[in-house]
């Protein structure tokens, strides 16, 4: 599975961004997909996931602000990020659980 993430950028605190990840090379609809992030000097951490059936799970510090969704026809997974905070600054990666594949990452920078 090949994953390509995009949609990052620079926003002010309180702003919004939508990240997208396009998957190729597999039957996308049967895979569990997730978003992770890695801030400078920190380890990569889990952000959100969506299962093949559409069930979602979030880490506590993004609940109520971020929403993960997917489009099986387009083979894309999205991360809508609202109410961004400076501490959300990181490189965001999409991940395919079944194949343990990672996208190249997209940088999100939130200024105060």
N, C-alpha and C. Protein backbone atom coordinates (compact mmCIF):
# COMPACT_ATOMS: atom_id res chain seq x y z
N UNK A 1 0.84 -1.18 0.00
CA UNK A 1 0.00 0.00 0.00
C UNK A 1 0.88 1.24 0.00
N UNK A 2 0.58 2.14 -0.90
CA UNK A 2 1.29 3.41 -0.95
C UNK A 2 0.35 4.51 -0.47
N UNK A 3 0.85 5.34 0.41
CA UNK A 3 0.05 6.40 0.99
C UNK A 3 0.68 7.75 0.70
N UNK A 4 -0.14 8.71 0.36
CA UNK A 4 0.34 10.06 0.11
C UNK A 4 -0.52 11.03 0.90
N UNK A 5 0.10 11.72 1.84
CA UNK A 5 -0.61 12.68 2.68
C UNK A 5 -0.34 14.10 2.20
N UNK A 6 -1.35 14.94 2.32
CA UNK A 6 -1.18 16.34 1.93
C UNK A 6 -2.23 17.18 2.63
N UNK A 7 -2.09 18.49 2.51
CA UNK A 7 -3.06 19.40 3.12
C UNK A 7 -2.51 20.19 4.29
N UNK A 8 -1.27 19.93 4.70
CA UNK A 8 -0.70 20.68 5.79
C UNK A 8 -0.42 22.12 5.40
N UNK A 9 -0.06 22.91 6.37
CA UNK A 9 0.24 24.31 6.11
C UNK A 9 0.41 25.05 7.41
N UNK A 10 0.39 26.37 7.31
CA UNK A 10 0.56 27.21 8.48
C UNK A 10 -0.74 27.96 8.74
N UNK A 11 -1.20 27.88 9.99
CA UNK A 11 -2.42 28.58 10.37
C UNK A 11 -2.22 29.23 11.73
N UNK A 12 -3.06 30.17 12.05
CA UNK A 12 -3.04 30.77 13.37
C UNK A 12 -3.86 29.92 14.34
N UNK A 13 -3.56 30.08 15.60
CA UNK A 13 -4.31 29.36 16.63
C UNK A 13 -5.80 29.62 16.47
N UNK A 14 -6.57 28.55 16.60
CA UNK A 14 -8.01 28.66 16.41
C UNK A 14 -8.47 28.35 15.00
N UNK A 15 -7.52 28.25 14.10
CA UNK A 15 -7.84 27.98 12.70
C UNK A 15 -8.10 26.52 12.43
N UNK A 16 -8.33 26.22 11.15
CA UNK A 16 -8.68 24.86 10.72
C UNK A 16 -7.84 24.44 9.52
N UNK A 17 -7.63 23.16 9.43
CA UNK A 17 -7.01 22.55 8.26
C UNK A 17 -7.66 21.19 8.04
N UNK A 18 -7.66 20.74 6.80
CA UNK A 18 -8.10 19.39 6.51
C UNK A 18 -6.98 18.64 5.80
N UNK A 19 -6.54 17.59 6.43
CA UNK A 19 -5.52 16.74 5.84
C UNK A 19 -6.19 15.62 5.05
N UNK A 20 -5.53 15.23 3.98
CA UNK A 20 -6.02 14.14 3.16
C UNK A 20 -4.91 13.12 2.96
N UNK A 21 -5.30 11.89 2.79
CA UNK A 21 -4.33 10.82 2.52
C UNK A 21 -4.94 9.91 1.48
N UNK A 22 -4.23 9.74 0.39
CA UNK A 22 -4.70 8.88 -0.69
C UNK A 22 -3.96 7.57 -0.65
N UNK A 23 -4.70 6.48 -0.71
CA UNK A 23 -4.11 5.14 -0.66
C UNK A 23 -4.21 4.48 -2.02
N UNK A 24 -3.17 3.77 -2.38
CA UNK A 24 -3.19 3.01 -3.63
C UNK A 24 -2.52 1.67 -3.38
N UNK A 25 -2.85 0.72 -4.22
CA UNK A 25 -2.19 -0.58 -4.14
C UNK A 25 -2.90 -1.58 -3.27
N UNK A 26 -4.11 -1.28 -2.82
CA UNK A 26 -4.84 -2.25 -2.02
C UNK A 26 -6.33 -2.00 -2.18
N UNK A 27 -7.11 -2.90 -1.62
CA UNK A 27 -8.54 -2.68 -1.57
C UNK A 27 -8.79 -1.80 -0.35
N UNK A 28 -8.84 -0.50 -0.58
CA UNK A 28 -8.86 0.47 0.51
C UNK A 28 -9.98 0.20 1.49
N UNK A 29 -11.11 -0.20 1.00
CA UNK A 29 -12.27 -0.29 1.86
C UNK A 29 -12.14 -1.28 2.99
N UNK A 30 -11.19 -2.20 2.96
CA UNK A 30 -11.11 -3.19 4.01
C UNK A 30 -10.05 -2.86 5.05
N UNK A 31 -9.37 -1.75 4.87
CA UNK A 31 -8.27 -1.43 5.78
C UNK A 31 -8.68 -0.47 6.88
N UNK A 32 -8.05 -0.64 8.03
CA UNK A 32 -8.13 0.33 9.10
C UNK A 32 -7.05 1.39 8.84
N UNK A 33 -7.42 2.65 8.96
CA UNK A 33 -6.50 3.74 8.66
C UNK A 33 -6.39 4.66 9.87
N UNK A 34 -5.22 5.27 10.00
CA UNK A 34 -5.02 6.16 11.13
C UNK A 34 -4.17 7.35 10.78
N UNK A 35 -4.22 8.34 11.65
CA UNK A 35 -3.34 9.50 11.59
C UNK A 35 -2.48 9.53 12.84
N UNK A 36 -1.22 9.82 12.65
CA UNK A 36 -0.26 10.00 13.72
C UNK A 36 0.43 11.33 13.51
N UNK A 37 1.14 11.79 14.53
CA UNK A 37 1.90 13.02 14.37
C UNK A 37 3.20 12.95 15.15
N UNK A 38 4.15 13.73 14.69
CA UNK A 38 5.45 13.80 15.37
C UNK A 38 5.88 15.24 15.44
N UNK A 39 5.94 15.74 16.66
CA UNK A 39 6.39 17.10 16.90
C UNK A 39 7.91 17.13 16.99
N UNK A 40 8.52 18.27 16.76
CA UNK A 40 9.99 18.35 16.83
C UNK A 40 10.51 17.87 18.18
N UNK A 41 11.46 16.96 18.14
CA UNK A 41 12.07 16.46 19.36
C UNK A 41 11.24 15.46 20.14
N UNK A 42 10.11 15.06 19.57
CA UNK A 42 9.24 14.12 20.27
C UNK A 42 9.02 12.87 19.43
N UNK A 43 8.50 11.84 20.07
CA UNK A 43 8.20 10.61 19.37
C UNK A 43 6.87 10.73 18.63
N UNK A 44 6.74 9.89 17.63
CA UNK A 44 5.48 9.85 16.89
C UNK A 44 4.37 9.35 17.81
N UNK A 45 3.20 9.99 17.71
CA UNK A 45 2.10 9.63 18.60
C UNK A 45 0.81 9.45 17.80
N UNK A 46 -0.04 8.63 18.34
CA UNK A 46 -1.34 8.35 17.72
C UNK A 46 -2.25 9.57 17.85
N UNK A 47 -3.03 9.82 16.79
CA UNK A 47 -4.00 10.92 16.82
C UNK A 47 -5.42 10.39 16.68
N UNK A 48 -5.67 9.63 15.63
CA UNK A 48 -7.03 9.16 15.36
C UNK A 48 -6.97 7.96 14.43
N UNK A 49 -8.03 7.16 14.47
CA UNK A 49 -8.13 6.03 13.55
C UNK A 49 -9.57 5.83 13.13
N UNK A 50 -9.72 5.18 11.97
CA UNK A 50 -11.05 4.81 11.49
C UNK A 50 -10.95 3.40 10.96
N UNK A 51 -11.88 2.56 11.38
CA UNK A 51 -11.83 1.16 10.98
C UNK A 51 -12.53 0.94 9.66
N UNK A 52 -12.44 -0.27 9.17
CA UNK A 52 -13.08 -0.62 7.91
C UNK A 52 -14.59 -0.38 8.00
N UNK A 53 -15.15 -0.62 9.17
CA UNK A 53 -16.59 -0.45 9.35
C UNK A 53 -16.98 1.00 9.60
N UNK A 54 -15.99 1.87 9.79
CA UNK A 54 -16.27 3.28 10.00
C UNK A 54 -16.23 3.72 11.45
N UNK A 55 -15.93 2.82 12.34
CA UNK A 55 -15.79 3.21 13.75
C UNK A 55 -14.56 4.08 13.91
N UNK A 56 -14.64 5.05 14.80
CA UNK A 56 -13.54 6.00 14.99
C UNK A 56 -13.03 5.98 16.42
N UNK A 57 -11.80 6.39 16.58
CA UNK A 57 -11.17 6.47 17.89
C UNK A 57 -10.20 7.63 17.87
N UNK A 58 -10.16 8.40 18.97
CA UNK A 58 -9.31 9.59 19.04
C UNK A 58 -8.50 9.59 20.34
N UNK A 59 -7.35 10.20 20.25
CA UNK A 59 -6.61 10.46 21.47
C UNK A 59 -7.30 11.61 22.19
N UNK A 60 -7.19 11.63 23.50
CA UNK A 60 -7.97 12.60 24.29
C UNK A 60 -7.73 14.04 23.89
N UNK A 61 -6.50 14.40 23.59
CA UNK A 61 -6.21 15.83 23.38
C UNK A 61 -6.72 16.37 22.05
N UNK A 62 -7.36 15.54 21.22
CA UNK A 62 -7.96 16.06 20.00
C UNK A 62 -9.46 15.84 19.95
N UNK A 63 -9.99 15.15 20.94
CA UNK A 63 -11.43 14.88 20.95
C UNK A 63 -12.21 16.19 20.96
N UNK A 64 -13.22 16.24 20.10
CA UNK A 64 -14.02 17.45 20.01
C UNK A 64 -13.46 18.49 19.06
N UNK A 65 -12.22 18.30 18.62
CA UNK A 65 -11.59 19.27 17.70
C UNK A 65 -11.28 18.63 16.35
N UNK A 66 -10.87 17.39 16.35
CA UNK A 66 -10.49 16.70 15.11
C UNK A 66 -11.54 15.66 14.75
N UNK A 67 -11.72 15.47 13.45
CA UNK A 67 -12.64 14.45 12.96
C UNK A 67 -11.98 13.67 11.83
N UNK A 68 -11.94 12.35 11.98
CA UNK A 68 -11.40 11.48 10.94
C UNK A 68 -12.56 10.91 10.14
N UNK A 69 -12.37 10.84 8.84
CA UNK A 69 -13.39 10.26 7.97
C UNK A 69 -12.70 9.64 6.76
N UNK A 70 -13.48 8.92 5.96
CA UNK A 70 -12.87 8.30 4.80
C UNK A 70 -13.87 8.22 3.65
N UNK A 71 -13.33 8.09 2.48
CA UNK A 71 -14.12 7.92 1.27
C UNK A 71 -13.56 6.69 0.57
N UNK A 72 -14.28 5.58 0.66
CA UNK A 72 -13.77 4.33 0.10
C UNK A 72 -13.67 4.38 -1.42
N UNK A 73 -14.56 5.12 -2.05
CA UNK A 73 -14.54 5.19 -3.51
C UNK A 73 -13.28 5.92 -3.98
N UNK A 74 -12.97 7.03 -3.32
CA UNK A 74 -11.77 7.82 -3.68
C UNK A 74 -10.51 7.27 -3.02
N UNK A 75 -10.67 6.29 -2.13
CA UNK A 75 -9.53 5.71 -1.41
C UNK A 75 -8.78 6.79 -0.64
N UNK A 76 -9.53 7.59 0.09
CA UNK A 76 -8.92 8.66 0.86
C UNK A 76 -9.39 8.62 2.30
N UNK A 77 -8.52 9.04 3.17
CA UNK A 77 -8.88 9.27 4.56
C UNK A 77 -8.56 10.72 4.87
N UNK A 78 -9.41 11.34 5.66
CA UNK A 78 -9.29 12.76 5.95
C UNK A 78 -9.12 12.97 7.45
N UNK A 79 -8.52 14.08 7.79
CA UNK A 79 -8.48 14.53 9.18
C UNK A 79 -8.84 16.00 9.19
N UNK A 80 -10.06 16.29 9.60
CA UNK A 80 -10.50 17.68 9.75
C UNK A 80 -10.04 18.16 11.11
N UNK A 81 -9.27 19.22 11.12
CA UNK A 81 -8.71 19.74 12.36
C UNK A 81 -9.24 21.15 12.58
N UNK A 82 -10.01 21.31 13.64
CA UNK A 82 -10.56 22.61 14.01
C UNK A 82 -9.99 23.04 15.36
N UNK A 83 -10.08 24.30 15.65
CA UNK A 83 -9.59 24.79 16.93
C UNK A 83 -8.12 24.47 17.15
N UNK A 84 -7.32 24.64 16.13
CA UNK A 84 -5.91 24.26 16.23
C UNK A 84 -5.18 25.08 17.28
N UNK A 85 -4.24 24.43 17.94
CA UNK A 85 -3.44 25.05 18.99
C UNK A 85 -1.96 24.97 18.60
N UNK A 86 -1.13 25.84 19.13
CA UNK A 86 0.30 25.76 18.81
C UNK A 86 0.89 24.38 19.11
N UNK A 87 0.38 23.71 20.13
CA UNK A 87 0.90 22.38 20.47
C UNK A 87 0.49 21.31 19.47
N UNK A 88 -0.36 21.63 18.52
CA UNK A 88 -0.69 20.71 17.44
C UNK A 88 0.35 20.74 16.32
N UNK A 89 1.29 21.64 16.42
CA UNK A 89 2.34 21.73 15.41
C UNK A 89 3.13 20.42 15.35
N UNK A 90 3.18 19.83 14.17
CA UNK A 90 3.84 18.53 14.00
C UNK A 90 3.79 18.14 12.53
N UNK A 91 4.53 17.10 12.22
CA UNK A 91 4.36 16.43 10.93
C UNK A 91 3.32 15.35 11.14
N UNK A 92 2.30 15.35 10.31
CA UNK A 92 1.21 14.40 10.43
C UNK A 92 1.37 13.30 9.37
N UNK A 93 1.22 12.07 9.82
CA UNK A 93 1.40 10.91 8.96
C UNK A 93 0.11 10.10 8.92
N UNK A 94 -0.22 9.57 7.76
CA UNK A 94 -1.30 8.59 7.69
C UNK A 94 -0.69 7.20 7.70
N UNK A 95 -1.48 6.26 8.17
CA UNK A 95 -0.98 4.91 8.40
C UNK A 95 -2.04 3.88 8.05
N UNK A 96 -1.63 2.87 7.32
CA UNK A 96 -2.50 1.74 7.01
C UNK A 96 -2.15 0.61 7.97
N UNK A 97 -3.10 0.25 8.81
CA UNK A 97 -2.82 -0.72 9.85
C UNK A 97 -2.50 -2.10 9.30
N UNK A 98 -3.27 -2.54 8.32
CA UNK A 98 -3.11 -3.90 7.80
C UNK A 98 -1.74 -4.13 7.19
N UNK A 99 -1.24 -3.18 6.45
CA UNK A 99 0.05 -3.33 5.78
C UNK A 99 1.19 -2.64 6.52
N UNK A 100 0.85 -1.92 7.60
CA UNK A 100 1.84 -1.12 8.35
C UNK A 100 2.59 -0.18 7.42
N UNK A 101 1.86 0.44 6.51
CA UNK A 101 2.46 1.40 5.59
C UNK A 101 2.25 2.81 6.11
N UNK A 102 3.24 3.67 5.82
CA UNK A 102 3.19 5.07 6.25
C UNK A 102 3.28 5.99 5.03
N UNK A 103 2.54 7.09 5.11
CA UNK A 103 2.69 8.14 4.12
C UNK A 103 3.93 8.96 4.44
N UNK A 104 4.24 9.93 3.59
CA UNK A 104 5.47 10.70 3.74
C UNK A 104 5.35 11.81 4.77
N UNK A 105 4.18 12.11 5.23
CA UNK A 105 3.99 13.16 6.23
C UNK A 105 3.71 14.51 5.61
N UNK A 106 2.92 15.29 6.32
CA UNK A 106 2.63 16.65 5.90
C UNK A 106 2.72 17.55 7.14
N UNK A 107 3.39 18.68 6.99
CA UNK A 107 3.70 19.54 8.12
C UNK A 107 2.55 20.50 8.42
N UNK A 108 2.17 20.52 9.68
CA UNK A 108 1.17 21.47 10.19
C UNK A 108 1.86 22.38 11.19
N UNK A 109 1.77 23.68 10.95
CA UNK A 109 2.37 24.65 11.85
C UNK A 109 1.28 25.60 12.33
N UNK A 110 1.13 25.70 13.65
CA UNK A 110 0.11 26.56 14.23
C UNK A 110 0.80 27.66 15.03
N UNK A 111 0.57 28.89 14.64
CA UNK A 111 1.20 30.02 15.31
C UNK A 111 0.26 30.60 16.36
N UNK A 112 0.84 31.14 17.40
CA UNK A 112 0.03 31.71 18.48
C UNK A 112 -0.31 33.16 18.23
